[in-house]
C-alpha atoms as a PDB file:
ATOM      1  CA  MET A   1      14.522  34.926 -13.987  1.00  0.00           C
ATOM      2  CA  GLY A   2      16.938  37.228 -12.037  1.00  0.00           C
ATOM      3  CA  ARG A   3      20.613  37.349 -11.392  1.00  0.00           C
ATOM      4  CA  GLY A   4      22.937  35.457  -8.934  1.00  0.00           C
ATOM      5  CA  ARG A   5      26.615  35.754  -8.058  1.00  0.00           C
ATOM      6  CA  ALA A   6      29.228  36.438 -10.590  1.00  0.00           C
ATOM      7  CA  GLY A   7      26.439  37.116 -13.303  1.00  0.00           C
ATOM      8  CA  LEU A   8      24.775  33.384 -13.455  1.00  0.00           C
ATOM      9  CA  PRO A   9      21.450  32.803 -13.714  1.00  0.00           C
ATOM     10  CA  LYS A  10      19.723  31.825 -10.134  1.00  0.00           C
ATOM     11  CA  ARG A  11      18.654  28.469  -9.803  1.00  0.00           C
ATOM     12  CA  SER A  12      14.718  28.112  -9.473  1.00  0.00           C
ATOM     13  CA  ARG A  13      13.084  26.435  -6.854  1.00  0.00           C
ATOM     14  CA  GLY A  14      13.062  22.644  -7.756  1.00  0.00           C
ATOM     15  CA  VAL A  15      15.167  19.287  -7.232  1.00  0.00           C
ATOM     16  CA  THR A  16      18.324  19.758  -9.261  1.00  0.00           C
ATOM     17  CA  VAL A  17      19.955  16.272 -10.124  1.00  0.00           C
ATOM     18  CA  PRO A  18      23.248  16.848 -11.561  1.00  0.00           C
ATOM     19  CA  ASP A  19      25.058  13.578 -12.996  1.00  0.00           C
ATOM     20  CA  MET A  20      22.186  11.511 -10.757  1.00  0.00           C
ATOM     21  CA  ASN A  21      22.100   7.555 -12.322  1.00  0.00           C
ATOM     22  CA  SER A  22      19.025   6.822 -10.319  1.00  0.00           C
ATOM     23  CA  PHE A  23      15.733   7.431  -8.573  1.00  0.00           C
ATOM     24  CA  LEU A  24      16.735   5.844  -5.313  1.00  0.00           C
ATOM     25  CA  VAL A  25      19.909   7.859  -5.233  1.00  0.00           C
ATOM     26  CA  LEU A  26      18.529  10.500  -5.322  1.00  0.00           C
ATOM     27  CA  LEU A  27      16.177   9.176  -2.825  1.00  0.00           C
ATOM     28  CA  ALA A  28      19.322   8.321  -0.486  1.00  0.00           C
ATOM     29  CA  ARG A  29      20.825  11.756  -1.146  1.00  0.00           C
ATOM     30  CA  VAL A  30      17.490  13.666  -0.572  1.00  0.00           C
ATOM     31  CA  SER A  31      17.203  11.344   3.254  1.00  0.00           C
ATOM     32  CA  ALA A  32      20.522  12.950   3.734  1.00  0.00           C
ATOM     33  CA  GLU A  33      19.532  16.154   3.698  1.00  0.00           C
ATOM     34  CA  VAL A  34      16.610  16.046   5.459  1.00  0.00           C
ATOM     35  CA  ALA A  35      18.120  14.239   8.192  1.00  0.00           C
ATOM     36  CA  VAL A  36      20.009  17.539   9.365  1.00  0.00           C
ATOM     37  CA  GLU A  37      17.027  19.560   8.835  1.00  0.00           C
ATOM     38  CA  THR A  38      15.066  21.167  11.462  1.00  0.00           C
ATOM     39  CA  ASP A  39      12.199  23.343   9.838  1.00  0.00           C
ATOM     40  CA  PRO A  40       9.647  21.977   8.528  1.00  0.00           C
ATOM     41  CA  ASP A  41       9.130  24.591   5.990  1.00  0.00           C
ATOM     42  CA  ALA A  42      12.263  24.484   4.030  1.00  0.00           C
ATOM     43  CA  VAL A  43      12.710  24.370   0.477  1.00  0.00           C
ATOM     44  CA  VAL A  44      14.579  20.986   1.289  1.00  0.00           C
ATOM     45  CA  THR A  45      11.553  19.773   3.247  1.00  0.00           C
ATOM     46  CA  ARG A  46       9.037  21.045   0.989  1.00  0.00           C
ATOM     47  CA  GLN A  47      10.583  19.280  -2.145  1.00  0.00           C
ATOM     48  CA  ALA A  48      11.558  15.829  -0.437  1.00  0.00           C
ATOM     49  CA  LEU A  49       7.729  15.443   0.256  1.00  0.00           C
ATOM     50  CA  LEU A  50       7.325  16.555  -3.383  1.00  0.00           C
ATOM     51  CA  LEU A  51       9.890  13.856  -4.937  1.00  0.00           C
ATOM     52  CA  ALA A  52       8.073  10.864  -1.904  1.00  0.00           C
ATOM     53  CA  LEU A  53       4.700  11.968  -3.970  1.00  0.00           C
ATOM     54  CA  HIS A  54       6.230  11.819  -7.096  1.00  0.00           C
ATOM     55  CA  ALA A  55       7.197   8.180  -6.552  1.00  0.00           C
ATOM     56  CA  GLY A  56       4.012   7.361  -5.179  1.00  0.00           C
ATOM     57  CA  VAL A  57       1.983   8.748  -8.351  1.00  0.00           C
ATOM     58  CA  ASN A  58       4.555   7.144 -10.845  1.00  0.00           C
ATOM     59  CA  ALA A  59       5.935   3.941  -9.076  1.00  0.00           C
ATOM     60  CA  PRO A  60       5.968   0.571 -11.088  1.00  0.00           C
ATOM     61  CA  ARG A  61       2.830  -0.942  -9.846  1.00  0.00           C
ATOM     62  CA  GLU A  62       2.047  -4.863  -9.820  1.00  0.00           C
ATOM     63  CA  ALA A  63      -1.348  -5.729  -9.283  1.00  0.00           C
ATOM     64  CA  GLU A  64      -1.090  -6.536  -5.842  1.00  0.00           C
ATOM     65  CA  THR A  65       0.827  -3.528  -4.641  1.00  0.00           C
ATOM     66  CA  ARG A  66      -1.751  -1.199  -7.143  1.00  0.00           C
ATOM     67  CA  ALA A  67      -4.354   0.184  -4.856  1.00  0.00           C
ATOM     68  CA  ARG A  68      -1.442   0.784  -1.966  1.00  0.00           C
ATOM     69  CA  TRP A  69       0.538   2.760  -3.939  1.00  0.00           C
ATOM     70  CA  ASP A  70      -2.580   4.810  -5.266  1.00  0.00           C
ATOM     71  CA  ARG A  71      -3.939   5.636  -1.643  1.00  0.00           C
ATOM     72  CA  TYR A  72       0.126   6.443  -0.388  1.00  0.00           C
ATOM     73  CA  ALA A  73       0.338   9.230  -3.449  1.00  0.00           C
ATOM     74  CA  GLN A  74      -3.264  10.423  -1.967  1.00  0.00           C
ATOM     75  CA  ILE A  75      -2.573  10.723   1.323  1.00  0.00           C
ATOM     76  CA  LEU A  76       0.912  12.766   0.334  1.00  0.00           C
ATOM     77  CA  ALA A  77      -1.254  14.459  -1.712  1.00  0.00           C
ATOM     78  CA  GLU A  78      -3.337  15.966   1.001  1.00  0.00           C
ATOM     79  CA  ALA A  79      -0.561  16.706   2.965  1.00  0.00           C
ATOM     80  CA  ASP A  80       0.793  18.768   0.065  1.00  0.00           C
ATOM     81  CA  ARG A  81      -2.370  20.711   0.166  1.00  0.00           C
ATOM     82  CA  GLU A  82      -2.523  21.125   3.510  1.00  0.00           C
ATOM     83  CA  LEU A  83       1.765  21.720   3.773  1.00  0.00           C
ATOM     84  CA  GLN A  84       1.865  24.345   1.446  1.00  0.00           C
ATOM     85  CA  ALA A  85      -1.594  26.146   1.761  1.00  0.00           C
ATOM     86  CA  GLY A  86      -0.785  29.644   3.106  1.00  0.00           C
ATOM     87  CA  LEU A  87       2.991  29.570   2.403  1.00  0.00           C
ATOM     88  CA  ARG A  88       4.332  32.629   0.137  1.00  0.00           C
ATOM     89  CA  ASP A  89       6.657  30.866  -1.566  1.00  0.00           C
ATOM     90  CA  PRO A  90       5.106  27.701  -2.448  1.00  0.00           C
ATOM     91  CA  VAL A  91       7.818  25.189  -4.154  1.00  0.00           C
ATOM     92  CA  GLY A  92       7.300  22.530  -6.920  1.00  0.00           C
ATOM     93  CA  LEU A  93       8.594  19.867  -8.123  1.00  0.00           C
ATOM     94  CA  VAL A  94      11.080  19.901 -11.401  1.00  0.00           C
ATOM     95  CA  GLU A  95      10.243  16.483 -12.965  1.00  0.00           C
ATOM     96  CA  ALA A  96      12.741  16.474 -15.434  1.00  0.00           C
ATOM     97  CA  ASN A  97      15.374  16.713 -13.500  1.00  0.00           C
ATOM     98  CA  VAL A  98      14.349  13.750 -11.576  1.00  0.00           C
ATOM     99  CA  PRO A  99      15.835  10.242 -12.829  1.00  0.00           C
ATOM    100  CA  PRO A 100      13.054   7.344 -14.292  1.00  0.00           C
ATOM    101  CA  ILE A 101      11.694   5.511 -11.153  1.00  0.00           C
ATOM    102  CA  GLY A 102      12.976   1.489 -11.437  1.00  0.00           C
ATOM    103  CA  ALA A 103      11.305  -0.926  -8.656  1.00  0.00           C
ATOM    104  CA  LEU A 104      14.969  -2.141  -7.984  1.00  0.00           C
ATOM    105  CA  ASP A 105      18.050  -0.526  -7.293  1.00  0.00           C
ATOM    106  CA  GLU A 106      21.030  -2.926  -7.989  1.00  0.00           C
ATOM    107  CA  ASP A 107      20.869  -4.598  -4.839  1.00  0.00           C
ATOM    108  CA  GLY A 108      17.436  -5.614  -5.163  1.00  0.00           C
ATOM    109  CA  GLU A 109      16.154  -3.443  -2.499  1.00  0.00           C
ATOM    110  CA  PRO A 110      12.602  -2.717  -3.323  1.00  0.00           C
ATOM    111  CA  LEU A 111      11.677   0.927  -3.958  1.00  0.00           C
ATOM    112  CA  ARG A 112       8.858   0.609  -1.557  1.00  0.00           C
ATOM    113  CA  THR A 113      10.794   0.425   1.478  1.00  0.00           C
ATOM    114  CA  ASN A 114      13.092   3.622   0.634  1.00  0.00           C
ATOM    115  CA  VAL A 115      10.146   5.744  -0.167  1.00  0.00           C
ATOM    116  CA  VAL A 116       8.439   4.195   3.380  1.00  0.00           C
ATOM    117  CA  VAL A 117      11.871   5.138   5.231  1.00  0.00           C
ATOM    118  CA  LEU A 118      11.754   8.582   3.769  1.00  0.00           C
ATOM    119  CA  THR A 119       8.249   9.428   4.452  1.00  0.00           C
ATOM    120  CA  ARG A 120       8.723   8.154   7.938  1.00  0.00           C
ATOM    121  CA  GLN A 121      11.905  10.549   8.137  1.00  0.00           C
ATOM    122  CA  LEU A 122       9.578  13.058   7.290  1.00  0.00           C
ATOM    123  CA  GLY A 123       6.619  12.651   9.276  1.00  0.00           C
ATOM    124  CA  ASP A 124       9.307  12.547  12.572  1.00  0.00           C
ATOM    125  CA  LEU A 125      10.925  15.990  11.534  1.00  0.00           C
ATOM    126  CA  PHE A 126       6.978  17.292  11.370  1.00  0.00           C
ATOM    127  CA  ASP A 127       6.078  15.939  14.409  1.00  0.00           C
ATOM    128  CA  ALA A 128       8.869  17.048  16.517  1.00  0.00           C
ATOM    129  CA  ALA A 129       8.928  20.806  15.024  1.00  0.00           C
ATOM    130  CA  ALA A 130       4.950  20.323  15.857  1.00  0.00           C
ATOM    131  CA  THR A 131       5.244  18.954  19.450  1.00  0.00           C
ATOM    132  CA  ALA A 132       8.293  21.326  20.302  1.00  0.00           C
ATOM    133  CA  GLY A 133       6.640  24.851  20.056  1.00  0.00           C
ATOM    134  CA  GLN A 134       8.337  26.452  17.375  1.00  0.00           C
ATOM    135  CA  GLY A 135       7.127  28.539  15.135  1.00  0.00           C
ATOM    136  CA  SER A 136       3.629  30.117  15.156  1.00  0.00           C
ATOM    137  CA  PRO A 137       0.606  28.081  16.964  1.00  0.00           C
ATOM    138  CA  TRP A 138      -1.144  27.741  13.228  1.00  0.00           C
ATOM    139  CA  ARG A 139       1.999  26.647  11.703  1.00  0.00           C
ATOM    140  CA  GLN A 140       1.990  23.602  14.278  1.00  0.00           C
ATOM    141  CA  ILE A 141      -1.390  22.615  13.715  1.00  0.00           C
ATOM    142  CA  VAL A 142      -0.847  22.426   9.673  1.00  0.00           C
ATOM    143  CA  TRP A 143       2.865  20.201  10.707  1.00  0.00           C
ATOM    144  CA  ALA A 144       0.957  17.784  13.002  1.00  0.00           C
ATOM    145  CA  LYS A 145      -1.815  17.283  10.367  1.00  0.00           C
ATOM    146  CA  VAL A 146       1.172  16.490   8.008  1.00  0.00           C
ATOM    147  CA  ALA A 147       3.352  14.371  10.332  1.00  0.00           C
ATOM    148  CA  GLU A 148      -0.003  12.284  10.531  1.00  0.00           C
ATOM    149  CA  CYS A 149      -0.856  12.404   6.686  1.00  0.00           C
ATOM    150  CA  LEU A 150       2.875  10.747   6.516  1.00  0.00           C
ATOM    151  CA  SER A 151       2.501   8.303   9.053  1.00  0.00           C
ATOM    152  CA  ASP A 152      -0.385   7.082   7.716  1.00  0.00           C
ATOM    153  CA  ALA A 153       1.299   7.212   4.118  1.00  0.00           C
ATOM    154  CA  ALA A 154       4.010   5.193   5.481  1.00  0.00           C
ATOM    155  CA  ASP A 155       1.861   2.859   7.004  1.00  0.00           C
ATOM    156  CA  GLU A 156      -0.477   2.090   3.644  1.00  0.00           C
ATOM    157  CA  LEU A 157       3.146   1.270   1.772  1.00  0.00           C
ATOM    158  CA  ALA A 158       4.669  -1.136   4.846  1.00  0.00           C
END
């Protein structure tokens, strides 16, 4: 690993979570970062997708929601493969830096609701980029496919 400013090691491209005490706090922080992002290929955007996928794979499941969470995770895995294919700098999620997932936050808000919000937000970002003529025509097609996957995934959990 190379050296950054002041001779400190550069951080790897992964979600780092200093002083986070819950997964829902992390989701909120990532959602705020995505809200100001306009580049669907930005590291923050790809990490947000991976965080949503992580939630889909690791969320506590009750019998009646197991199939929906599993389908959600499958759809997001497909979206991630589509998005990162062909990019020179694939991004990974540093799972050791992600807090454990609980089904409810302190106010009783379900994890599912927060994940759906982030997924829809990501879908809107990808859809806007695909339709705005931003980037190459090839990336616009990729972004449109990812937007469709994200919409389907959010609908699966909603």
